[in-house]
Amino acid sequence: MLYDDLGSRLFEEITSLPEYYPTRTERALLEGQANTIVASVAHGSQPLRVVELGAGSASKTCLLLAAAARM
């Protein structure tokens, strides 16, 4: 993690501002496509590896993990 506690809190606050659209856009894409994304990389006997998508609360990564759990 690159931010200290204060930096992490500030980053989370910034991403929730109406002017900061990337987080909302990424979340919407993942909500709509998480199953397809996971299905396209899951290969039976091979372990599925999920990489954290960036700084923050990992809420978007949870969307991919939930899709993987449904497989």
PDB file of N, CA and C in Angstrom:
ATOM      1  N   MET A   1       0.843  -1.165   0.000  1.00  0.00           N
ATOM      2  CA  MET A   1       0.000   0.000   0.000  1.00  0.00           C
ATOM      3  C   MET A   1       0.893   1.234   0.000  1.00  0.00           C
ATOM      4  N   LEU A   2       0.550   2.166  -0.859  1.00  0.00           N
ATOM      5  CA  LEU A   2       1.390   3.348  -1.003  1.00  0.00           C
ATOM      6  C   LEU A   2       0.967   4.514  -0.121  1.00  0.00           C
ATOM      7  N   TYR A   3      -0.265   4.476   0.394  1.00  0.00           N
ATOM      8  CA  TYR A   3      -0.763   5.575   1.207  1.00  0.00           C
ATOM      9  C   TYR A   3      -0.764   5.193   2.685  1.00  0.00           C
ATOM     10  N   ASP A   4      -0.563   6.188   3.546  1.00  0.00           N
ATOM     11  CA  ASP A   4      -0.760   5.945   4.975  1.00  0.00           C
ATOM     12  C   ASP A   4      -2.267   6.011   5.247  1.00  0.00           C
ATOM     13  N   ASP A   5      -2.678   5.894   6.495  1.00  0.00           N
ATOM     14  CA  ASP A   5      -4.109   5.879   6.830  1.00  0.00           C
ATOM     15  C   ASP A   5      -4.828   7.142   6.360  1.00  0.00           C
ATOM     16  N   LEU A   6      -4.222   8.290   6.604  1.00  0.00           N
ATOM     17  CA  LEU A   6      -4.841   9.548   6.190  1.00  0.00           C
ATOM     18  C   LEU A   6      -4.934   9.617   4.668  1.00  0.00           C
ATOM     19  N   GLY A   7      -3.872   9.246   3.992  1.00  0.00           N
ATOM     20  CA  GLY A   7      -3.873   9.264   2.533  1.00  0.00           C
ATOM     21  C   GLY A   7      -4.939   8.347   1.954  1.00  0.00           C
ATOM     22  N   SER A   8      -5.112   7.188   2.552  1.00  0.00           N
ATOM     23  CA  SER A   8      -6.147   6.250   2.102  1.00  0.00           C
ATOM     24  C   SER A   8      -7.539   6.834   2.281  1.00  0.00           C
ATOM     25  N   ARG A   9      -7.775   7.458   3.425  1.00  0.00           N
ATOM     26  CA  ARG A   9      -9.088   8.069   3.664  1.00  0.00           C
ATOM     27  C   ARG A   9      -9.356   9.202   2.683  1.00  0.00           C
ATOM     28  N   LEU A  10      -8.338  10.021   2.449  1.00  0.00           N
ATOM     29  CA  LEU A  10      -8.493  11.121   1.495  1.00  0.00           C
ATOM     30  C   LEU A  10      -8.762  10.594   0.086  1.00  0.00           C
ATOM     31  N   PHE A  11      -8.056   9.547  -0.307  1.00  0.00           N
ATOM     32  CA  PHE A  11      -8.272   8.965  -1.626  1.00  0.00           C
ATOM     33  C   PHE A  11      -9.710   8.459  -1.761  1.00  0.00           C
ATOM     34  N   GLU A  12     -10.211   7.766  -0.750  1.00  0.00           N
ATOM     35  CA  GLU A  12     -11.589   7.271  -0.784  1.00  0.00           C
ATOM     36  C   GLU A  12     -12.578   8.425  -0.888  1.00  0.00           C
ATOM     37  N   GLU A  13     -12.324   9.506  -0.189  1.00  0.00           N
ATOM     38  CA  GLU A  13     -13.209  10.669  -0.268  1.00  0.00           C
ATOM     39  C   GLU A  13     -13.175  11.285  -1.663  1.00  0.00           C
ATOM     40  N   ILE A  14     -11.991  11.383  -2.235  1.00  0.00           N
ATOM     41  CA  ILE A  14     -11.861  11.944  -3.583  1.00  0.00           C
ATOM     42  C   ILE A  14     -12.639  11.107  -4.585  1.00  0.00           C
ATOM     43  N   THR A  15     -12.523   9.785  -4.489  1.00  0.00           N
ATOM     44  CA  THR A  15     -13.193   8.926  -5.473  1.00  0.00           C
ATOM     45  C   THR A  15     -14.709   8.961  -5.352  1.00  0.00           C
ATOM     46  N   SER A  16     -15.231   9.472  -4.258  1.00  0.00           N
ATOM     47  CA  SER A  16     -16.679   9.558  -4.112  1.00  0.00           C
ATOM     48  C   SER A  16     -17.241  10.910  -4.558  1.00  0.00           C
ATOM     49  N   LEU A  17     -16.374  11.835  -4.942  1.00  0.00           N
ATOM     50  CA  LEU A  17     -16.840  13.141  -5.409  1.00  0.00           C
ATOM     51  C   LEU A  17     -17.532  13.012  -6.760  1.00  0.00           C
ATOM     52  N   PRO A  18     -18.572  13.798  -6.999  1.00  0.00           N
ATOM     53  CA  PRO A  18     -19.277  13.741  -8.290  1.00  0.00           C
ATOM     54  C   PRO A  18     -18.355  14.012  -9.488  1.00  0.00           C
ATOM     55  N   GLU A  19     -17.340  14.840  -9.284  1.00  0.00           N
ATOM     56  CA  GLU A  19     -16.423  15.190 -10.367  1.00  0.00           C
ATOM     57  C   GLU A  19     -15.473  14.054 -10.730  1.00  0.00           C
ATOM     58  N   TYR A  20     -15.319  13.091  -9.835  1.00  0.00           N
ATOM     59  CA  TYR A  20     -14.354  12.008 -10.050  1.00  0.00           C
ATOM     60  C   TYR A  20     -15.102  10.801 -10.614  1.00  0.00           C
ATOM     61  N   TYR A  21     -15.141  10.714 -11.933  1.00  0.00           N
ATOM     62  CA  TYR A  21     -15.923   9.671 -12.598  1.00  0.00           C
ATOM     63  C   TYR A  21     -15.217   8.332 -12.803  1.00  0.00           C
ATOM     64  N   PRO A  22     -13.886   8.236 -12.813  1.00  0.00           N
ATOM     65  CA  PRO A  22     -13.260   6.948 -13.131  1.00  0.00           C
ATOM     66  C   PRO A  22     -13.723   5.788 -12.245  1.00  0.00           C
ATOM     67  N   THR A  23     -13.849   6.015 -10.953  1.00  0.00           N
ATOM     68  CA  THR A  23     -14.251   4.931 -10.058  1.00  0.00           C
ATOM     69  C   THR A  23     -15.657   4.456 -10.386  1.00  0.00           C
ATOM     70  N   ARG A  24     -16.587   5.376 -10.608  1.00  0.00           N
ATOM     71  CA  ARG A  24     -17.964   4.983 -10.958  1.00  0.00           C
ATOM     72  C   ARG A  24     -18.000   4.242 -12.289  1.00  0.00           C
ATOM     73  N   THR A  25     -17.214   4.700 -13.250  1.00  0.00           N
ATOM     74  CA  THR A  25     -17.186   4.068 -14.565  1.00  0.00           C
ATOM     75  C   THR A  25     -16.614   2.662 -14.469  1.00  0.00           C
ATOM     76  N   GLU A  26     -15.494   2.509 -13.775  1.00  0.00           N
ATOM     77  CA  GLU A  26     -14.887   1.183 -13.597  1.00  0.00           C
ATOM     78  C   GLU A  26     -15.842   0.245 -12.875  1.00  0.00           C
ATOM     79  N   ARG A  27     -16.489   0.737 -11.833  1.00  0.00           N
ATOM     80  CA  ARG A  27     -17.421  -0.094 -11.069  1.00  0.00           C
ATOM     81  C   ARG A  27     -18.584  -0.549 -11.940  1.00  0.00           C
ATOM     82  N   ALA A  28     -19.132   0.353 -12.726  1.00  0.00           N
ATOM     83  CA  ALA A  28     -20.251   0.000 -13.609  1.00  0.00           C
ATOM     84  C   ALA A  28     -19.829  -1.065 -14.622  1.00  0.00           C
ATOM     85  N   LEU A  29     -18.635  -0.914 -15.180  1.00  0.00           N
ATOM     86  CA  LEU A  29     -18.137  -1.921 -16.125  1.00  0.00           C
ATOM     87  C   LEU A  29     -17.969  -3.274 -15.450  1.00  0.00           C
ATOM     88  N   LEU A  30     -17.387  -3.276 -14.276  1.00  0.00           N
ATOM     89  CA  LEU A  30     -17.186  -4.536 -13.567  1.00  0.00           C
ATOM     90  C   LEU A  30     -18.500  -5.164 -13.119  1.00  0.00           C
ATOM     91  N   GLU A  31     -19.444  -4.346 -12.673  1.00  0.00           N
ATOM     92  CA  GLU A  31     -20.743  -4.888 -12.269  1.00  0.00           C
ATOM     93  C   GLU A  31     -21.426  -5.574 -13.446  1.00  0.00           C
ATOM     94  N   GLY A  32     -21.284  -5.007 -14.627  1.00  0.00           N
ATOM     95  CA  GLY A  32     -21.928  -5.580 -15.801  1.00  0.00           C
ATOM     96  C   GLY A  32     -21.163  -6.718 -16.454  1.00  0.00           C
ATOM     97  N   GLN A  33     -19.853  -6.763 -16.241  1.00  0.00           N
ATOM     98  CA  GLN A  33     -19.032  -7.717 -16.982  1.00  0.00           C
ATOM     99  C   GLN A  33     -18.189  -8.659 -16.132  1.00  0.00           C
ATOM    100  N   ALA A  34     -18.325  -8.628 -14.825  1.00  0.00           N
ATOM    101  CA  ALA A  34     -17.470  -9.447 -13.953  1.00  0.00           C
ATOM    102  C   ALA A  34     -17.553 -10.930 -14.303  1.00  0.00           C
ATOM    103  N   ASN A  35     -18.753 -11.445 -14.515  1.00  0.00           N
ATOM    104  CA  ASN A  35     -18.886 -12.870 -14.855  1.00  0.00           C
ATOM    105  C   ASN A  35     -18.170 -13.196 -16.161  1.00  0.00           C
ATOM    106  N   THR A  36     -18.314 -12.340 -17.155  1.00  0.00           N
ATOM    107  CA  THR A  36     -17.668 -12.557 -18.449  1.00  0.00           C
ATOM    108  C   THR A  36     -16.150 -12.482 -18.325  1.00  0.00           C
ATOM    109  N   ILE A  37     -15.660 -11.527 -17.562  1.00  0.00           N
ATOM    110  CA  ILE A  37     -14.221 -11.372 -17.362  1.00  0.00           C
ATOM    111  C   ILE A  37     -13.640 -12.620 -16.708  1.00  0.00           C
ATOM    112  N   VAL A  38     -14.261 -13.062 -15.634  1.00  0.00           N
ATOM    113  CA  VAL A  38     -13.756 -14.238 -14.918  1.00  0.00           C
ATOM    114  C   VAL A  38     -13.847 -15.478 -15.805  1.00  0.00           C
ATOM    115  N   ALA A  39     -14.957 -15.644 -16.503  1.00  0.00           N
ATOM    116  CA  ALA A  39     -15.124 -16.816 -17.367  1.00  0.00           C
ATOM    117  C   ALA A  39     -14.079 -16.847 -18.473  1.00  0.00           C
ATOM    118  N   SER A  40     -13.662 -15.674 -18.941  1.00  0.00           N
ATOM    119  CA  SER A  40     -12.695 -15.634 -20.040  1.00  0.00           C
ATOM    120  C   SER A  40     -11.275 -15.998 -19.608  1.00  0.00           C
ATOM    121  N   VAL A  41     -11.001 -15.940 -18.302  1.00  0.00           N
ATOM    122  CA  VAL A  41      -9.654 -16.259 -17.831  1.00  0.00           C
ATOM    123  C   VAL A  41      -9.591 -17.513 -16.967  1.00  0.00           C
ATOM    124  N   ALA A  42     -10.732 -18.041 -16.575  1.00  0.00           N
ATOM    125  CA  ALA A  42     -10.762 -19.260 -15.757  1.00  0.00           C
ATOM    126  C   ALA A  42     -10.569 -20.460 -16.677  1.00  0.00           C
ATOM    127  N   HIS A  43      -9.617 -21.301 -16.346  1.00  0.00           N
ATOM    128  CA  HIS A  43      -9.301 -22.446 -17.187  1.00  0.00           C
ATOM    129  C   HIS A  43      -9.262 -23.731 -16.379  1.00  0.00           C
ATOM    130  N   GLY A  44     -10.417 -24.201 -15.982  1.00  0.00           N
ATOM    131  CA  GLY A  44     -10.542 -25.498 -15.333  1.00  0.00           C
ATOM    132  C   GLY A  44      -9.576 -25.765 -14.205  1.00  0.00           C
ATOM    133  N   SER A  45      -8.523 -26.527 -14.498  1.00  0.00           N
ATOM    134  CA  SER A  45      -7.608 -26.975 -13.450  1.00  0.00           C
ATOM    135  C   SER A  45      -6.575 -25.912 -13.062  1.00  0.00           C
ATOM    136  N   GLN A  46      -6.432 -24.871 -13.838  1.00  0.00           N
ATOM    137  CA  GLN A  46      -5.475 -23.812 -13.512  1.00  0.00           C
ATOM    138  C   GLN A  46      -6.046 -22.935 -12.395  1.00  0.00           C
ATOM    139  N   PRO A  47      -5.227 -22.572 -11.419  1.00  0.00           N
ATOM    140  CA  PRO A  47      -5.728 -21.671 -10.365  1.00  0.00           C
ATOM    141  C   PRO A  47      -6.028 -20.288 -10.946  1.00  0.00           C
ATOM    142  N   LEU A  48      -7.084 -19.698 -10.469  1.00  0.00           N
ATOM    143  CA  LEU A  48      -7.451 -18.351 -10.892  1.00  0.00           C
ATOM    144  C   LEU A  48      -6.680 -17.362 -10.037  1.00  0.00           C
ATOM    145  N   ARG A  49      -6.032 -16.427 -10.675  1.00  0.00           N
ATOM    146  CA  ARG A  49      -5.286 -15.391  -9.952  1.00  0.00           C
ATOM    147  C   ARG A  49      -5.974 -14.057 -10.174  1.00  0.00           C
ATOM    148  N   VAL A  50      -6.240 -13.379  -9.085  1.00  0.00           N
ATOM    149  CA  VAL A  50      -6.869 -12.064  -9.150  1.00  0.00           C
ATOM    150  C   VAL A  50      -5.876 -11.056  -8.614  1.00  0.00           C
ATOM    151  N   VAL A  51      -5.664  -9.997  -9.368  1.00  0.00           N
ATOM    152  CA  VAL A  51      -4.717  -8.951  -8.980  1.00  0.00           C
ATOM    153  C   VAL A  51      -5.518  -7.748  -8.504  1.00  0.00           C
ATOM    154  N   GLU A  52      -5.112  -7.185  -7.390  1.00  0.00           N
ATOM    155  CA  GLU A  52      -5.769  -5.982  -6.871  1.00  0.00           C
ATOM    156  C   GLU A  52      -5.719  -4.902  -7.934  1.00  0.00           C
ATOM    157  N   LEU A  53      -6.836  -4.213  -8.120  1.00  0.00           N
ATOM    158  CA  LEU A  53      -6.964  -3.238  -9.203  1.00  0.00           C
ATOM    159  C   LEU A  53      -6.398  -1.869  -8.888  1.00  0.00           C
ATOM    160  N   GLY A  54      -5.943  -1.644  -7.696  1.00  0.00           N
ATOM    161  CA  GLY A  54      -5.357  -0.349  -7.385  1.00  0.00           C
ATOM    162  C   GLY A  54      -5.586   0.043  -5.946  1.00  0.00           C
ATOM    163  N   ALA A  55      -5.164   1.229  -5.626  1.00  0.00           N
ATOM    164  CA  ALA A  55      -5.281   1.717  -4.258  1.00  0.00           C
ATOM    165  C   ALA A  55      -6.743   1.895  -3.878  1.00  0.00           C
ATOM    166  N   GLY A  56      -7.004   1.811  -2.617  1.00  0.00           N
ATOM    167  CA  GLY A  56      -8.363   2.049  -2.141  1.00  0.00           C
ATOM    168  C   GLY A  56      -8.880   0.901  -1.303  1.00  0.00           C
ATOM    169  N   SER A  57     -10.185   0.773  -1.284  1.00  0.00           N
ATOM    170  CA  SER A  57     -10.843  -0.180  -0.387  1.00  0.00           C
ATOM    171  C   SER A  57     -10.993  -1.571  -0.982  1.00  0.00           C
ATOM    172  N   ALA A  58     -10.571  -1.778  -2.212  1.00  0.00           N
ATOM    173  CA  ALA A  58     -10.687  -3.058  -2.920  1.00  0.00           C
ATOM    174  C   ALA A  58     -12.134  -3.416  -3.234  1.00  0.00           C
ATOM    175  N   SER A  59     -13.033  -2.458  -3.212  1.00  0.00           N
ATOM    176  CA  SER A  59     -14.446  -2.753  -3.462  1.00  0.00           C
ATOM    177  C   SER A  59     -14.672  -3.255  -4.888  1.00  0.00           C
ATOM    178  N   LYS A  60     -13.891  -2.775  -5.844  1.00  0.00           N
ATOM    179  CA  LYS A  60     -14.054  -3.262  -7.222  1.00  0.00           C
ATOM    180  C   LYS A  60     -13.499  -4.678  -7.362  1.00  0.00           C
ATOM    181  N   THR A  61     -12.434  -4.972  -6.667  1.00  0.00           N
ATOM    182  CA  THR A  61     -11.883  -6.320  -6.699  1.00  0.00           C
ATOM    183  C   THR A  61     -12.884  -7.324  -6.148  1.00  0.00           C
ATOM    184  N   CYS A  62     -13.649  -6.905  -5.153  1.00  0.00           N
ATOM    185  CA  CYS A  62     -14.673  -7.786  -4.580  1.00  0.00           C
ATOM    186  C   CYS A  62     -15.692  -8.219  -5.623  1.00  0.00           C
ATOM    187  N   LEU A  63     -15.961  -7.376  -6.601  1.00  0.00           N
ATOM    188  CA  LEU A  63     -16.885  -7.755  -7.672  1.00  0.00           C
ATOM    189  C   LEU A  63     -16.335  -8.935  -8.472  1.00  0.00           C
ATOM    190  N   LEU A  64     -15.035  -8.915  -8.742  1.00  0.00           N
ATOM    191  CA  LEU A  64     -14.413 -10.034  -9.459  1.00  0.00           C
ATOM    192  C   LEU A  64     -14.349 -11.281  -8.594  1.00  0.00           C
ATOM    193  N   LEU A  65     -14.069 -11.105  -7.317  1.00  0.00           N
ATOM    194  CA  LEU A  65     -14.022 -12.264  -6.420  1.00  0.00           C
ATOM    195  C   LEU A  65     -15.405 -12.909  -6.296  1.00  0.00           C
ATOM    196  N   ALA A  66     -16.434 -12.099  -6.225  1.00  0.00           N
ATOM    197  CA  ALA A  66     -17.794 -12.646  -6.153  1.00  0.00           C
ATOM    198  C   ALA A  66     -18.130 -13.405  -7.431  1.00  0.00           C
ATOM    199  N   ALA A  67     -17.721 -12.885  -8.576  1.00  0.00           N
ATOM    200  CA  ALA A  67     -17.965 -13.587  -9.832  1.00  0.00           C
ATOM    201  C   ALA A  67     -17.205 -14.906  -9.874  1.00  0.00           C
ATOM    202  N   ALA A  68     -15.976 -14.910  -9.362  1.00  0.00           N
ATOM    203  CA  ALA A  68     -15.195 -16.146  -9.325  1.00  0.00           C
ATOM    204  C   ALA A  68     -15.839 -17.169  -8.410  1.00  0.00           C
ATOM    205  N   ALA A  69     -16.407 -16.728  -7.311  1.00  0.00           N
ATOM    206  CA  ALA A  69     -17.063 -17.642  -6.376  1.00  0.00           C
ATOM    207  C   ALA A  69     -18.319 -18.268  -6.996  1.00  0.00           C
ATOM    208  N   ARG A  70     -18.934 -17.569  -7.939  1.00  0.00           N
ATOM    209  CA  ARG A  70     -20.122 -18.098  -8.601  1.00  0.00           C
ATOM    210  C   ARG A  70     -19.783 -19.131  -9.658  1.00  0.00           C
ATOM    211  N   MET A  71     -18.527 -19.220 -10.060  1.00  0.00           N
ATOM    212  CA  MET A  71     -18.124 -20.157 -11.133  1.00  0.00           C
ATOM    213  C   MET A  71     -18.184 -21.588 -10.672  1.00  0.00           C
TER     214      MET A  71
END
